Amino acid sequence: MPLRYFIKQWLMPPGVLFLLLLAAWWLRARRPRLAAFCFAIGLGGLWLMSLPLVVQESARLLETEPALAVDEWAGLAGRADAIVVLGAGRERGDPAWGGEDQPAATALERMRFAAHLAKASGLPLLTSGGLHYGTPPSEAQLMADRLKEDFAVEVKWKEQASRTTWENARFSADVLQPLGIRRVVVVTQAWHMPRARWSFEQAGFEVVPAPVGFLGRDHARPFGGLLPESRAIWQSGQLLNEWVGLVGYRVFY
């Protein structure tokens, strides 16, 4: 896992863009044209990643599944047999919570939505997510604990082995399909939903998408979203990872 993480961070932006800037500095005397090219790509890529407008337009291309209307929530019981909420990382040892690990903000957004869907529809919940960098508790357990304590929603099943979206689907199938459950509501970020839906359908599920956290909406920034913003770099990284995942999953799976 550490080696895989190391390689991924340098092959994906912004890591690879920093490498291009380093290469530009290294080649500036011997290969000035190549150095100028590396500098333009590295700096230009970082600039584009930092723009809210780029985040908005990139997200619109990924967010192909529409949101569930509020008046559809109660009727989910007739369309599915369970709700699956996918993990999204965790925060380590938060002192505000007595040093206990907490679900990351993205995971909390998914959990909140899943809790509302579960209460409206009466459908049982499965949380899906394994160990984060090999350290217990699992993301599924963290989410189950917080759903119970913060949202008063009991989790019926926990899938605690997955490390990827593909494994979310495969290992959830191992839990649910022996019980005859093949229709599921999948809760994840709107930009992540195409890859999640494809993975769950490949695992033999009929999927009702329940996307949350849309980024492809009006960014509401001044100056048309053309000023650099630190948060946009993180969001751009998430979206780029999603594009790579969409292609990679179809090639390797």
Protein backbone atom coordinates (compact mmCIF):
# COMPACT_ATOMS: atom_id res chain seq x y z
CA MET A 1 0.00 0.00 0.00
CA PRO A 2 2.71 2.64 0.81
CA LEU A 3 4.48 2.00 -2.52
CA ARG A 4 1.21 2.16 -4.45
CA TYR A 5 0.30 5.39 -2.68
CA PHE A 6 3.73 6.89 -3.39
CA ILE A 7 3.58 6.07 -7.10
CA LYS A 8 0.02 7.32 -7.49
CA GLN A 9 0.76 10.66 -5.83
CA TRP A 10 3.59 11.39 -8.27
CA LEU A 11 1.85 10.12 -11.40
CA MET A 12 -1.35 12.09 -10.78
CA PRO A 13 -1.70 15.89 -10.65
CA PRO A 14 -0.61 17.92 -8.83
CA GLY A 15 2.39 15.64 -8.14
CA VAL A 16 3.28 15.14 -11.80
CA LEU A 17 2.99 18.90 -12.40
CA PHE A 18 5.54 19.57 -9.66
CA LEU A 19 7.81 17.00 -11.33
CA LEU A 20 7.49 18.90 -14.60
CA LEU A 21 8.49 22.13 -12.87
CA LEU A 22 11.46 20.36 -11.32
CA ALA A 23 12.40 18.98 -14.74
CA ALA A 24 12.18 22.50 -16.21
CA TRP A 25 14.66 23.77 -13.61
CA TRP A 26 16.98 20.79 -14.18
CA LEU A 27 16.96 21.18 -17.99
CA ARG A 28 17.06 24.97 -18.14
CA ALA A 29 20.68 25.14 -19.33
CA ARG A 30 21.06 21.95 -21.38
CA ARG A 31 17.63 21.76 -23.08
CA PRO A 32 16.06 25.23 -22.85
CA ARG A 33 13.17 24.49 -25.25
CA LEU A 34 12.23 21.30 -23.45
CA ALA A 35 12.59 23.12 -20.14
CA ALA A 36 10.25 25.86 -21.35
CA PHE A 37 7.71 23.23 -22.44
CA CYS A 38 7.86 21.45 -19.05
CA PHE A 39 7.53 24.78 -17.24
CA ALA A 40 4.49 25.82 -19.31
CA ILE A 41 2.71 22.49 -18.79
CA GLY A 42 3.55 22.32 -15.09
CA LEU A 43 2.60 25.88 -14.22
CA GLY A 44 -0.36 25.95 -16.62
CA GLY A 45 -1.71 22.71 -15.17
CA LEU A 46 -1.47 24.00 -11.60
CA TRP A 47 -3.18 27.25 -12.60
CA LEU A 48 -6.07 25.42 -14.30
CA MET A 49 -6.48 23.10 -11.33
CA SER A 50 -6.81 26.11 -9.04
CA LEU A 51 -9.76 27.70 -10.88
CA PRO A 52 -13.33 27.19 -9.56
CA LEU A 53 -14.64 27.58 -13.12
CA VAL A 54 -12.56 24.59 -14.28
CA VAL A 55 -13.86 22.53 -11.34
CA GLN A 56 -17.45 23.41 -12.19
CA GLU A 57 -17.19 22.58 -15.89
CA SER A 58 -15.19 19.38 -15.30
CA ALA A 59 -17.69 18.18 -12.71
CA ARG A 60 -20.60 18.75 -15.08
CA LEU A 61 -19.10 16.20 -17.46
CA LEU A 62 -18.90 13.59 -14.70
CA GLU A 63 -22.16 14.28 -12.88
CA THR A 64 -24.45 12.48 -15.31
CA GLU A 65 -26.86 11.01 -12.74
CA PRO A 66 -29.62 13.38 -11.60
CA ALA A 67 -30.35 13.97 -7.95
CA LEU A 68 -33.24 12.12 -6.31
CA ALA A 69 -36.19 14.43 -5.81
CA VAL A 70 -37.29 14.76 -2.19
CA ASP A 71 -40.71 13.35 -3.02
CA GLU A 72 -38.98 10.18 -4.33
CA TRP A 73 -37.34 9.30 -1.02
CA ALA A 74 -40.27 7.51 0.58
CA GLY A 75 -40.90 5.52 -2.60
CA LEU A 76 -37.42 4.01 -2.64
CA ALA A 77 -38.75 1.00 -0.73
CA GLY A 78 -40.57 -0.06 -3.88
CA ARG A 79 -37.48 0.30 -6.05
CA ALA A 80 -34.73 -1.20 -3.87
CA ASP A 81 -34.11 -3.55 -0.96
CA ALA A 82 -31.23 -1.79 0.80
CA ILE A 83 -29.16 1.39 0.88
CA VAL A 84 -25.39 1.20 0.44
CA VAL A 85 -23.31 4.20 1.51
CA LEU A 86 -19.69 4.23 0.37
CA GLY A 87 -16.84 5.31 2.62
CA ALA A 88 -14.70 8.34 1.77
CA GLY A 89 -11.77 8.36 4.14
CA ARG A 90 -11.32 9.42 7.73
CA GLU A 91 -9.64 12.00 9.92
CA ARG A 92 -7.09 10.57 12.32
CA GLY A 93 -7.30 11.12 16.08
CA ASP A 94 -9.35 14.31 16.26
CA PRO A 95 -8.70 15.90 19.71
CA ALA A 96 -12.15 17.48 19.64
CA TRP A 97 -13.59 13.97 19.84
CA GLY A 98 -11.29 12.61 22.52
CA GLY A 99 -8.65 11.55 20.01
CA GLU A 100 -11.00 9.20 18.17
CA ASP A 101 -10.91 8.84 14.39
CA GLN A 102 -13.80 10.46 12.56
CA PRO A 103 -15.26 10.03 9.05
CA ALA A 104 -13.95 12.62 6.60
CA ALA A 105 -16.17 15.52 5.59
CA THR A 106 -17.08 13.85 2.29
CA ALA A 107 -18.09 10.68 4.12
CA LEU A 108 -20.23 12.71 6.53
CA GLU A 109 -22.02 14.31 3.60
CA ARG A 110 -22.86 10.86 2.24
CA MET A 111 -23.90 9.58 5.66
CA ARG A 112 -26.24 12.50 6.28
CA PHE A 113 -27.98 11.91 2.97
CA ALA A 114 -28.15 8.14 3.51
CA ALA A 115 -29.67 8.70 6.96
CA HIS A 116 -32.44 10.86 5.50
CA LEU A 117 -33.13 8.28 2.78
CA ALA A 118 -33.24 5.45 5.32
CA LYS A 119 -35.65 7.30 7.60
CA ALA A 120 -37.93 8.28 4.70
CA SER A 121 -37.99 4.87 3.04
CA GLY A 122 -37.47 2.44 5.92
CA LEU A 123 -34.77 0.62 3.93
CA PRO A 124 -31.91 -1.04 5.84
CA LEU A 125 -28.39 0.37 5.53
CA LEU A 126 -25.04 -1.14 4.63
CA THR A 127 -21.84 0.84 5.15
CA SER A 128 -18.92 -0.06 2.90
CA GLY A 129 -15.25 0.73 3.54
CA GLY A 130 -12.20 -1.12 4.78
CA LEU A 131 -9.15 -0.16 6.80
CA HIS A 132 -7.61 3.22 6.01
CA TYR A 133 -3.89 2.56 5.43
CA GLY A 134 -4.26 -0.71 7.29
CA THR A 135 -5.25 0.81 10.64
CA PRO A 136 -8.50 -0.14 12.45
CA PRO A 137 -11.32 0.65 12.88
CA SER A 138 -12.69 0.25 9.38
CA GLU A 139 -14.42 3.10 7.56
CA ALA A 140 -17.59 1.01 7.62
CA GLN A 141 -17.42 0.76 11.41
CA LEU A 142 -16.71 4.47 11.84
CA MET A 143 -19.70 5.33 9.66
CA ALA A 144 -21.95 2.88 11.46
CA ASP A 145 -21.00 4.34 14.83
CA ARG A 146 -21.61 7.92 13.73
CA LEU A 147 -24.88 7.09 11.94
CA LYS A 148 -26.19 5.56 15.17
CA GLU A 149 -24.96 8.27 17.54
CA ASP A 150 -25.39 11.38 15.38
CA PHE A 151 -28.32 10.48 13.12
CA ALA A 152 -30.17 7.81 15.15
CA VAL A 153 -29.95 5.32 12.28
CA GLU A 154 -28.96 1.70 12.89
CA VAL A 155 -26.71 0.07 10.29
CA LYS A 156 -27.73 -3.49 9.54
CA TRP A 157 -24.61 -4.63 7.67
CA LYS A 158 -20.98 -3.53 7.51
CA GLU A 159 -18.63 -4.38 4.64
CA GLN A 160 -15.20 -3.81 6.18
CA ALA A 161 -12.67 -5.17 3.68
CA SER A 162 -12.84 -2.91 0.60
CA ARG A 163 -10.10 -0.49 -0.44
CA THR A 164 -11.47 0.63 -3.82
CA THR A 165 -14.83 1.34 -5.44
CA TRP A 166 -14.58 -1.97 -7.30
CA GLU A 167 -14.11 -3.78 -4.00
CA ASN A 168 -16.98 -1.76 -2.44
CA ALA A 169 -19.23 -3.37 -5.02
CA ARG A 170 -17.75 -6.88 -4.98
CA PHE A 171 -17.61 -7.23 -1.22
CA SER A 172 -21.05 -5.67 -0.75
CA ALA A 173 -22.33 -8.31 -3.16
CA ASP A 174 -20.78 -10.99 -0.93
CA VAL A 175 -22.80 -9.63 2.01
CA LEU A 176 -26.12 -8.81 0.35
CA GLN A 177 -26.67 -11.16 -2.56
CA PRO A 178 -26.73 -14.39 -0.48
CA LEU A 179 -29.68 -12.71 1.32
CA GLY A 180 -31.47 -12.21 -2.00
CA ILE A 181 -30.76 -8.47 -2.14
CA ARG A 182 -29.91 -7.35 -5.67
CA ARG A 183 -31.59 -3.92 -5.84
CA VAL A 184 -29.68 -1.24 -3.96
CA VAL A 185 -29.66 2.51 -3.53
CA VAL A 186 -26.03 3.62 -3.84
CA VAL A 187 -25.07 6.83 -2.01
CA THR A 188 -21.87 8.58 -3.06
CA GLN A 189 -20.65 11.88 -4.50
CA ALA A 190 -22.28 12.93 -7.77
CA TRP A 191 -18.91 13.00 -9.56
CA HIS A 192 -18.10 9.51 -8.27
CA MET A 193 -21.49 8.00 -9.15
CA PRO A 194 -20.73 6.87 -12.76
CA ARG A 195 -17.83 4.67 -11.61
CA ALA A 196 -19.72 3.47 -8.53
CA ARG A 197 -22.84 2.60 -10.51
CA TRP A 198 -20.81 0.75 -13.16
CA SER A 199 -18.97 -1.23 -10.48
CA PHE A 200 -22.15 -2.25 -8.65
CA GLU A 201 -23.87 -3.23 -11.89
CA GLN A 202 -20.86 -5.35 -12.84
CA ALA A 203 -21.21 -7.02 -9.43
CA GLY A 204 -24.78 -8.04 -10.30
CA PHE A 205 -26.82 -5.28 -8.65
CA GLU A 206 -29.69 -3.22 -10.00
CA VAL A 207 -28.70 0.30 -8.93
CA VAL A 208 -30.80 3.28 -7.92
CA PRO A 209 -28.28 6.17 -7.93
CA ALA A 210 -28.50 8.61 -5.01
CA PRO A 211 -25.80 11.19 -5.76
CA VAL A 212 -24.91 13.96 -3.33
CA GLY A 213 -22.35 16.77 -3.19
CA PHE A 214 -22.69 18.13 -6.71
CA LEU A 215 -19.77 20.31 -7.86
CA GLY A 216 -21.08 21.07 -11.34
CA ARG A 217 -23.37 23.84 -10.19
CA ASP A 218 -22.92 27.61 -10.20
CA HIS A 219 -19.70 28.20 -8.27
CA ALA A 220 -20.91 31.67 -7.17
CA ARG A 221 -17.34 33.04 -7.06
CA PRO A 222 -16.56 36.62 -8.06
CA PHE A 223 -14.70 37.33 -11.30
CA GLY A 224 -16.29 34.33 -13.01
CA GLY A 225 -14.33 31.78 -10.99
CA LEU A 226 -11.11 32.74 -12.80
CA LEU A 227 -9.08 33.55 -9.68
CA PRO A 228 -6.98 30.73 -8.17
CA GLU A 229 -8.32 29.07 -5.04
CA SER A 230 -6.66 26.43 -2.87
CA ARG A 231 -9.84 24.39 -2.41
CA ALA A 232 -10.23 24.11 -6.18
CA ILE A 233 -6.87 22.31 -6.43
CA TRP A 234 -8.13 19.56 -4.11
CA GLN A 235 -11.43 19.31 -5.98
CA SER A 236 -9.65 19.18 -9.34
CA GLY A 237 -7.51 16.35 -8.01
CA GLN A 238 -10.62 14.40 -7.05
CA LEU A 239 -12.14 14.91 -10.48
CA LEU A 240 -8.94 13.93 -12.31
CA ASN A 241 -8.72 10.79 -10.20
CA GLU A 242 -12.29 10.01 -11.22
CA TRP A 243 -11.54 10.38 -14.93
CA VAL A 244 -8.56 8.04 -14.61
CA GLY A 245 -10.67 5.60 -12.60
CA LEU A 246 -13.44 5.54 -15.19
CA VAL A 247 -10.99 4.62 -17.94
CA GLY A 248 -8.90 2.29 -15.79
CA TYR A 249 -11.85 0.28 -14.50
CA ARG A 250 -13.08 -0.47 -17.99
CA VAL A 251 -9.61 -1.51 -19.08
CA PHE A 252 -8.64 -3.66 -16.09
CA TYR A 253 -12.04 -4.95 -14.93
